[in-house]
């Protein structure tokens, strides 16, 4: 689904980064610039996204929230998201970014290096109230915020 995220050749990502005060691609600078999708490819990607949304809604049939990891390991050190060792580390949250579903993340534990290992709480469309209510329970149960080592 990265196709859809970068369907305009990454122009919106660059606008977001500029708005945050980051020049160029920031820590994504090592990646090849994406190419724009043709209309046919874009509509196919949107159809796939709709299929993913429908399947995910099926998971929420009997539950209010999903509690899951943010990524497969601890937080990546700043500036390393495009290195082979850490690339795709955010893949557990991308699907919820694409669907637009509300989510919150908390540091659940610490790696031996002291980096946070994130847990995310996700709810279905327009249910920010459930995410915030669940996060209010999950965060203190996991020890609350602790400043990472510098």
N, C-alpha and C. Protein backbone atom coordinates (compact mmCIF):
# COMPACT_ATOMS: atom_id res chain seq x y z
N UNK A 1 0.80 -1.19 0.00
CA UNK A 1 0.00 0.00 0.00
C UNK A 1 0.85 1.26 0.00
N UNK A 2 2.17 1.08 0.01
CA UNK A 2 3.04 2.25 -0.12
C UNK A 2 2.73 3.00 -1.41
N UNK A 3 2.25 2.27 -2.43
CA UNK A 3 1.87 2.92 -3.68
C UNK A 3 0.91 4.06 -3.41
N UNK A 4 -0.08 3.82 -2.58
CA UNK A 4 -1.10 4.82 -2.32
C UNK A 4 -0.55 5.97 -1.49
N UNK A 5 0.31 5.64 -0.54
CA UNK A 5 0.91 6.69 0.29
C UNK A 5 1.73 7.67 -0.55
N UNK A 6 2.33 7.16 -1.62
CA UNK A 6 3.22 7.99 -2.44
C UNK A 6 2.70 8.13 -3.86
N UNK A 7 1.38 8.02 -4.05
CA UNK A 7 0.78 8.04 -5.39
C UNK A 7 1.09 9.31 -6.16
N UNK A 8 1.31 10.40 -5.46
CA UNK A 8 1.61 11.68 -6.13
C UNK A 8 3.11 11.92 -6.27
N UNK A 9 3.89 10.84 -6.17
CA UNK A 9 5.33 10.97 -6.27
C UNK A 9 5.97 11.48 -4.99
N UNK A 10 5.21 11.43 -3.91
CA UNK A 10 5.74 11.86 -2.61
C UNK A 10 5.58 13.34 -2.33
N UNK A 11 4.86 14.06 -3.19
CA UNK A 11 4.71 15.51 -3.01
C UNK A 11 4.07 15.86 -1.67
N UNK A 12 3.06 15.09 -1.25
CA UNK A 12 2.40 15.42 0.02
C UNK A 12 3.32 15.14 1.21
N UNK A 13 4.15 14.09 1.10
CA UNK A 13 5.11 13.80 2.18
C UNK A 13 6.10 14.95 2.31
N UNK A 14 6.59 15.43 1.17
CA UNK A 14 7.52 16.56 1.20
C UNK A 14 6.87 17.81 1.81
N UNK A 15 5.58 18.06 1.49
CA UNK A 15 4.88 19.20 2.09
C UNK A 15 4.77 19.04 3.60
N UNK A 16 4.47 17.82 4.06
CA UNK A 16 4.39 17.58 5.51
C UNK A 16 5.75 17.81 6.18
N UNK A 17 6.79 17.27 5.56
CA UNK A 17 8.13 17.44 6.12
C UNK A 17 8.54 18.91 6.16
N UNK A 18 8.28 19.65 5.08
CA UNK A 18 8.60 21.09 5.06
C UNK A 18 7.83 21.82 6.16
N UNK A 19 6.55 21.46 6.32
CA UNK A 19 5.73 22.09 7.35
C UNK A 19 6.26 21.82 8.74
N UNK A 20 6.97 20.71 8.91
CA UNK A 20 7.55 20.37 10.21
C UNK A 20 8.97 20.91 10.35
N UNK A 21 9.45 21.63 9.31
CA UNK A 21 10.79 22.22 9.38
C UNK A 21 11.90 21.31 8.92
N UNK A 22 11.57 20.22 8.21
CA UNK A 22 12.58 19.28 7.72
C UNK A 22 12.85 19.56 6.24
N UNK A 23 14.11 19.73 5.89
CA UNK A 23 14.48 19.93 4.49
C UNK A 23 14.53 18.58 3.77
N UNK A 24 14.09 18.56 2.54
CA UNK A 24 14.17 17.34 1.73
C UNK A 24 13.38 16.20 2.32
N UNK A 25 13.93 14.99 2.18
CA UNK A 25 13.26 13.78 2.63
C UNK A 25 13.60 13.40 4.06
N UNK A 26 14.38 14.21 4.75
CA UNK A 26 14.73 13.89 6.14
C UNK A 26 15.41 12.54 6.24
N UNK A 27 14.99 11.71 7.19
CA UNK A 27 15.61 10.41 7.39
C UNK A 27 15.24 9.43 6.28
N UNK A 28 14.32 9.81 5.40
CA UNK A 28 13.97 8.96 4.26
C UNK A 28 14.82 9.27 3.04
N UNK A 29 15.81 10.13 3.20
CA UNK A 29 16.62 10.61 2.08
C UNK A 29 17.33 9.55 1.30
N UNK A 30 17.59 8.40 1.88
CA UNK A 30 18.29 7.34 1.17
C UNK A 30 17.41 6.54 0.23
N UNK A 31 16.10 6.77 0.30
CA UNK A 31 15.19 6.04 -0.57
C UNK A 31 15.13 6.68 -1.95
N UNK A 32 14.88 5.86 -2.94
CA UNK A 32 14.71 6.39 -4.30
C UNK A 32 13.43 7.21 -4.35
N UNK A 33 13.44 8.36 -5.01
CA UNK A 33 12.22 9.15 -5.11
C UNK A 33 11.11 8.34 -5.79
N UNK A 34 9.92 8.36 -5.23
CA UNK A 34 8.83 7.58 -5.82
C UNK A 34 8.34 8.22 -7.11
N UNK A 35 7.77 7.38 -7.97
CA UNK A 35 7.18 7.91 -9.20
C UNK A 35 5.67 8.02 -9.01
N UNK A 36 5.07 8.91 -9.78
CA UNK A 36 3.62 9.11 -9.69
C UNK A 36 2.90 7.92 -10.31
N UNK A 37 1.73 7.60 -9.75
CA UNK A 37 0.92 6.52 -10.30
C UNK A 37 0.04 7.03 -11.43
N UNK A 38 -0.13 6.19 -12.42
CA UNK A 38 -1.10 6.47 -13.47
C UNK A 38 -2.49 6.32 -12.86
N UNK A 39 -3.48 6.93 -13.49
CA UNK A 39 -4.85 6.89 -12.96
C UNK A 39 -5.32 5.45 -12.75
N UNK A 40 -5.03 4.56 -13.68
CA UNK A 40 -5.46 3.17 -13.55
C UNK A 40 -4.83 2.51 -12.33
N UNK A 41 -3.55 2.77 -12.09
CA UNK A 41 -2.87 2.20 -10.92
C UNK A 41 -3.43 2.80 -9.64
N UNK A 42 -3.72 4.09 -9.66
CA UNK A 42 -4.27 4.75 -8.48
C UNK A 42 -5.63 4.18 -8.10
N UNK A 43 -6.51 4.01 -9.08
CA UNK A 43 -7.84 3.48 -8.77
C UNK A 43 -7.74 2.03 -8.27
N UNK A 44 -6.82 1.25 -8.80
CA UNK A 44 -6.62 -0.12 -8.33
C UNK A 44 -6.13 -0.10 -6.88
N UNK A 45 -5.20 0.79 -6.55
CA UNK A 45 -4.70 0.89 -5.17
C UNK A 45 -5.83 1.31 -4.22
N UNK A 46 -6.69 2.20 -4.65
CA UNK A 46 -7.83 2.62 -3.81
C UNK A 46 -8.79 1.45 -3.60
N UNK A 47 -9.02 0.66 -4.65
CA UNK A 47 -9.87 -0.53 -4.51
C UNK A 47 -9.26 -1.51 -3.51
N UNK A 48 -7.95 -1.71 -3.57
CA UNK A 48 -7.28 -2.60 -2.61
C UNK A 48 -7.43 -2.07 -1.19
N UNK A 49 -7.31 -0.75 -1.03
CA UNK A 49 -7.48 -0.14 0.29
C UNK A 49 -8.89 -0.39 0.81
N UNK A 50 -9.88 -0.26 -0.03
CA UNK A 50 -11.26 -0.54 0.38
C UNK A 50 -11.42 -1.99 0.82
N UNK A 51 -10.76 -2.91 0.13
CA UNK A 51 -10.81 -4.33 0.52
C UNK A 51 -10.17 -4.53 1.89
N UNK A 52 -9.04 -3.85 2.13
CA UNK A 52 -8.37 -3.95 3.43
C UNK A 52 -9.27 -3.39 4.52
N UNK A 53 -9.88 -2.23 4.29
CA UNK A 53 -10.79 -1.65 5.28
C UNK A 53 -11.93 -2.60 5.60
N UNK A 54 -12.51 -3.22 4.60
CA UNK A 54 -13.62 -4.16 4.82
C UNK A 54 -13.17 -5.35 5.65
N UNK A 55 -12.01 -5.90 5.32
CA UNK A 55 -11.51 -7.06 6.09
C UNK A 55 -11.22 -6.66 7.52
N UNK A 56 -10.63 -5.50 7.73
CA UNK A 56 -10.33 -5.06 9.09
C UNK A 56 -11.59 -4.82 9.89
N UNK A 57 -12.62 -4.28 9.27
CA UNK A 57 -13.89 -4.09 9.97
C UNK A 57 -14.43 -5.43 10.47
N UNK A 58 -14.19 -6.49 9.73
CA UNK A 58 -14.60 -7.83 10.16
C UNK A 58 -13.93 -8.24 11.47
N UNK A 59 -12.68 -7.83 11.67
CA UNK A 59 -11.98 -8.15 12.92
C UNK A 59 -12.61 -7.44 14.12
N UNK A 60 -13.21 -6.29 13.88
CA UNK A 60 -13.79 -5.52 14.97
C UNK A 60 -15.22 -5.91 15.28
N UNK A 61 -15.72 -6.94 14.63
CA UNK A 61 -17.11 -7.35 14.83
C UNK A 61 -17.42 -7.61 16.30
N UNK A 62 -16.51 -8.28 17.01
CA UNK A 62 -16.77 -8.66 18.41
C UNK A 62 -15.88 -7.93 19.41
N UNK A 63 -15.07 -6.97 18.96
CA UNK A 63 -14.18 -6.26 19.88
C UNK A 63 -14.30 -4.76 19.67
N UNK A 64 -13.96 -4.02 20.72
CA UNK A 64 -14.00 -2.56 20.62
C UNK A 64 -12.67 -1.98 20.16
N UNK A 65 -11.57 -2.58 20.63
CA UNK A 65 -10.24 -2.08 20.28
C UNK A 65 -9.31 -3.25 19.99
N UNK A 66 -8.26 -2.93 19.25
CA UNK A 66 -7.17 -3.87 18.99
C UNK A 66 -5.96 -3.33 19.74
N UNK A 67 -5.30 -4.19 20.49
CA UNK A 67 -4.04 -3.83 21.15
C UNK A 67 -2.97 -4.68 20.49
N UNK A 68 -1.96 -4.00 19.90
CA UNK A 68 -0.96 -4.71 19.14
C UNK A 68 0.36 -3.94 19.17
N UNK A 69 1.45 -4.57 18.74
CA UNK A 69 2.73 -3.85 18.69
C UNK A 69 2.68 -2.70 17.68
N UNK A 70 3.54 -1.72 17.90
CA UNK A 70 3.69 -0.63 16.93
C UNK A 70 4.58 -1.08 15.78
N UNK A 71 5.61 -1.82 16.11
CA UNK A 71 6.55 -2.34 15.11
C UNK A 71 7.17 -3.61 15.66
N UNK A 72 7.95 -4.33 14.86
CA UNK A 72 8.45 -5.63 15.30
C UNK A 72 9.54 -5.59 16.37
N UNK A 73 9.99 -4.45 16.77
CA UNK A 73 11.02 -4.36 17.79
C UNK A 73 10.98 -3.00 18.45
N UNK A 74 12.04 -2.64 19.14
CA UNK A 74 12.06 -1.33 19.79
C UNK A 74 12.09 -0.18 18.79
N UNK A 75 11.87 1.02 19.28
CA UNK A 75 11.93 2.22 18.45
C UNK A 75 13.27 2.27 17.73
N UNK A 76 13.25 2.77 16.52
CA UNK A 76 14.49 2.88 15.76
C UNK A 76 15.21 4.16 16.16
N UNK A 77 16.53 4.11 16.25
CA UNK A 77 17.27 5.33 16.53
C UNK A 77 17.01 6.39 15.47
N UNK A 78 17.00 7.64 15.86
CA UNK A 78 16.72 8.74 14.93
C UNK A 78 17.66 8.69 13.73
N UNK A 79 17.07 8.86 12.55
CA UNK A 79 17.87 8.90 11.33
C UNK A 79 18.18 7.55 10.73
N UNK A 80 17.61 6.47 11.26
CA UNK A 80 17.96 5.14 10.75
C UNK A 80 16.80 4.44 10.06
N UNK A 81 15.67 5.11 9.87
CA UNK A 81 14.50 4.42 9.33
C UNK A 81 14.68 3.93 7.91
N UNK A 82 15.66 4.45 7.18
CA UNK A 82 15.85 3.99 5.80
C UNK A 82 17.08 3.10 5.66
N UNK A 83 17.68 2.68 6.75
CA UNK A 83 18.81 1.76 6.67
C UNK A 83 18.27 0.33 6.59
N UNK A 84 19.01 -0.58 5.96
CA UNK A 84 18.52 -1.96 5.80
C UNK A 84 18.14 -2.60 7.15
N UNK A 85 18.88 -2.29 8.19
CA UNK A 85 18.62 -2.88 9.50
C UNK A 85 17.25 -2.51 10.05
N UNK A 86 16.80 -1.28 9.79
CA UNK A 86 15.56 -0.79 10.40
C UNK A 86 14.45 -0.53 9.40
N UNK A 87 14.71 -0.63 8.10
CA UNK A 87 13.70 -0.29 7.10
C UNK A 87 12.45 -1.13 7.30
N UNK A 88 11.30 -0.51 7.18
CA UNK A 88 9.97 -1.11 7.31
C UNK A 88 9.61 -1.38 8.77
N UNK A 89 10.31 -0.75 9.68
CA UNK A 89 10.03 -0.95 11.09
C UNK A 89 8.69 -0.43 11.53
N UNK A 90 8.07 0.43 10.74
CA UNK A 90 6.78 0.98 11.13
C UNK A 90 5.62 0.24 10.49
N UNK A 91 5.88 -0.93 9.94
CA UNK A 91 4.87 -1.60 9.13
C UNK A 91 3.62 -1.99 9.91
N UNK A 92 3.67 -2.10 11.22
CA UNK A 92 2.48 -2.48 11.99
C UNK A 92 1.52 -1.30 12.17
N UNK A 93 1.96 -0.11 11.92
CA UNK A 93 1.07 1.04 12.04
C UNK A 93 0.62 1.59 10.69
N UNK A 94 1.32 1.23 9.63
CA UNK A 94 0.98 1.76 8.31
C UNK A 94 -0.46 1.47 7.90
N UNK A 95 -0.93 0.27 8.19
CA UNK A 95 -2.28 -0.09 7.77
C UNK A 95 -3.32 0.83 8.43
N UNK A 96 -3.09 1.21 9.67
CA UNK A 96 -4.05 2.09 10.34
C UNK A 96 -3.89 3.54 9.86
N UNK A 97 -2.67 3.91 9.48
CA UNK A 97 -2.48 5.23 8.86
C UNK A 97 -3.25 5.31 7.55
N UNK A 98 -3.19 4.24 6.77
CA UNK A 98 -3.89 4.22 5.49
C UNK A 98 -5.41 4.22 5.65
N UNK A 99 -5.91 3.46 6.60
CA UNK A 99 -7.36 3.38 6.77
C UNK A 99 -7.91 4.63 7.43
N UNK A 100 -7.06 5.38 8.11
CA UNK A 100 -7.53 6.56 8.82
C UNK A 100 -8.13 6.24 10.17
N UNK A 101 -7.96 5.01 10.62
CA UNK A 101 -8.52 4.61 11.91
C UNK A 101 -7.74 5.28 13.04
N UNK A 102 -8.42 5.64 14.11
CA UNK A 102 -7.73 6.27 15.24
C UNK A 102 -6.86 5.25 15.99
N UNK A 103 -5.70 5.71 16.42
CA UNK A 103 -4.78 4.86 17.16
C UNK A 103 -3.95 5.72 18.10
N UNK A 104 -3.51 5.11 19.17
CA UNK A 104 -2.60 5.76 20.11
C UNK A 104 -1.52 4.76 20.46
N UNK A 105 -0.32 5.25 20.70
CA UNK A 105 0.75 4.33 21.08
C UNK A 105 1.35 4.75 22.40
N UNK A 106 1.81 3.75 23.13
CA UNK A 106 2.46 3.94 24.42
C UNK A 106 3.73 3.11 24.44
N UNK A 107 4.76 3.59 25.15
CA UNK A 107 5.94 2.74 25.32
C UNK A 107 5.58 1.62 26.30
N UNK A 108 5.61 0.38 25.83
CA UNK A 108 5.19 -0.74 26.66
C UNK A 108 6.30 -1.32 27.51
N UNK A 109 7.50 -1.32 26.99
CA UNK A 109 8.65 -1.89 27.69
C UNK A 109 9.89 -1.19 27.15
N UNK A 110 11.05 -1.65 27.57
CA UNK A 110 12.32 -1.10 27.09
C UNK A 110 13.20 -2.22 26.58
N UNK A 111 13.93 -1.90 25.52
CA UNK A 111 14.93 -2.84 25.00
C UNK A 111 16.13 -2.82 25.93
N UNK A 112 17.06 -3.76 25.77
CA UNK A 112 18.28 -3.71 26.59
C UNK A 112 19.05 -2.39 26.44
N UNK A 113 18.88 -1.72 25.27
CA UNK A 113 19.54 -0.43 25.05
C UNK A 113 18.73 0.74 25.64
N UNK A 114 17.58 0.43 26.21
CA UNK A 114 16.74 1.47 26.81
C UNK A 114 15.75 2.12 25.86
N UNK A 115 15.64 1.62 24.63
CA UNK A 115 14.69 2.18 23.66
C UNK A 115 13.29 1.65 23.92
N UNK A 116 12.27 2.49 23.73
CA UNK A 116 10.90 2.04 23.98
C UNK A 116 10.43 1.00 22.97
N UNK A 117 9.67 0.04 23.46
CA UNK A 117 8.99 -0.95 22.64
C UNK A 117 7.51 -0.58 22.71
N UNK A 118 6.97 -0.13 21.59
CA UNK A 118 5.63 0.45 21.59
C UNK A 118 4.50 -0.54 21.49
N UNK A 119 3.40 -0.17 22.13
CA UNK A 119 2.14 -0.87 22.05
C UNK A 119 1.13 0.13 21.52
N UNK A 120 0.31 -0.28 20.54
CA UNK A 120 -0.70 0.65 20.03
C UNK A 120 -2.10 0.11 20.30
N UNK A 121 -2.99 1.06 20.53
CA UNK A 121 -4.41 0.77 20.71
C UNK A 121 -5.13 1.36 19.51
N UNK A 122 -5.92 0.55 18.84
CA UNK A 122 -6.59 0.96 17.61
C UNK A 122 -8.08 0.67 17.73
N UNK A 123 -8.90 1.56 17.21
CA UNK A 123 -10.35 1.34 17.15
C UNK A 123 -10.82 1.60 15.73
N UNK A 124 -12.06 1.28 15.50
CA UNK A 124 -12.64 1.46 14.18
C UNK A 124 -12.88 2.92 13.85
N UNK A 125 -13.39 3.17 12.67
CA UNK A 125 -13.60 4.54 12.21
C UNK A 125 -14.43 5.37 13.19
N UNK A 126 -13.96 6.58 13.42
CA UNK A 126 -14.66 7.59 14.23
C UNK A 126 -14.79 7.20 15.70
N UNK A 127 -13.95 6.29 16.19
CA UNK A 127 -14.05 5.86 17.59
C UNK A 127 -12.82 6.27 18.40
N UNK A 128 -12.44 7.54 18.24
CA UNK A 128 -11.34 8.08 19.04
C UNK A 128 -11.63 7.94 20.54
N UNK A 129 -12.91 8.02 20.91
CA UNK A 129 -13.29 7.89 22.32
C UNK A 129 -12.84 6.55 22.88
N UNK A 130 -12.97 5.48 22.11
CA UNK A 130 -12.54 4.16 22.58
C UNK A 130 -11.02 4.08 22.68
N UNK A 131 -10.33 4.65 21.71
CA UNK A 131 -8.86 4.63 21.75
C UNK A 131 -8.37 5.36 22.99
N UNK A 132 -8.89 6.54 23.24
CA UNK A 132 -8.43 7.33 24.39
C UNK A 132 -8.79 6.65 25.70
N UNK A 133 -9.97 6.06 25.78
CA UNK A 133 -10.37 5.36 27.02
C UNK A 133 -9.47 4.15 27.27
N UNK A 134 -9.18 3.38 26.22
CA UNK A 134 -8.31 2.22 26.37
C UNK A 134 -6.87 2.64 26.69
N UNK A 135 -6.38 3.69 26.02
CA UNK A 135 -5.02 4.16 26.27
C UNK A 135 -4.87 4.66 27.71
N UNK A 136 -5.93 5.21 28.26
CA UNK A 136 -5.91 5.69 29.65
C UNK A 136 -5.71 4.53 30.62
N UNK A 137 -6.11 3.35 30.23
CA UNK A 137 -5.91 2.15 31.05
C UNK A 137 -4.57 1.49 30.75
N UNK A 138 -4.24 1.40 29.45
CA UNK A 138 -3.02 0.70 29.04
C UNK A 138 -1.76 1.42 29.50
N UNK A 139 -1.71 2.74 29.33
CA UNK A 139 -0.48 3.47 29.65
C UNK A 139 -0.02 3.27 31.10
N UNK A 140 -0.86 3.51 32.12
CA UNK A 140 -0.37 3.30 33.48
C UNK A 140 -0.08 1.83 33.77
N UNK A 141 -0.81 0.92 33.14
CA UNK A 141 -0.55 -0.51 33.36
C UNK A 141 0.82 -0.91 32.84
N UNK A 142 1.33 -0.18 31.85
CA UNK A 142 2.64 -0.48 31.29
C UNK A 142 3.76 0.34 31.93
N UNK A 143 3.44 1.12 32.93
CA UNK A 143 4.46 1.88 33.65
C UNK A 143 4.49 3.35 33.32
N UNK A 144 3.64 3.81 32.40
CA UNK A 144 3.61 5.23 32.08
C UNK A 144 4.84 5.69 31.32
N UNK A 145 4.88 6.98 31.02
CA UNK A 145 5.98 7.54 30.25
C UNK A 145 7.26 7.56 31.08
N UNK A 146 8.34 7.14 30.44
CA UNK A 146 9.67 7.23 31.04
C UNK A 146 10.60 7.80 29.96
N UNK A 147 11.31 8.84 30.32
CA UNK A 147 12.21 9.49 29.35
C UNK A 147 13.25 8.51 28.86
N UNK A 148 13.44 8.40 27.52
CA UNK A 148 14.45 7.50 27.00
C UNK A 148 15.85 8.03 27.30
N UNK A 149 16.84 7.14 27.25
CA UNK A 149 18.21 7.60 27.49
C UNK A 149 18.65 8.55 26.37
N UNK A 150 19.48 9.48 26.71
CA UNK A 150 19.96 10.44 25.72
C UNK A 150 21.23 9.94 25.08
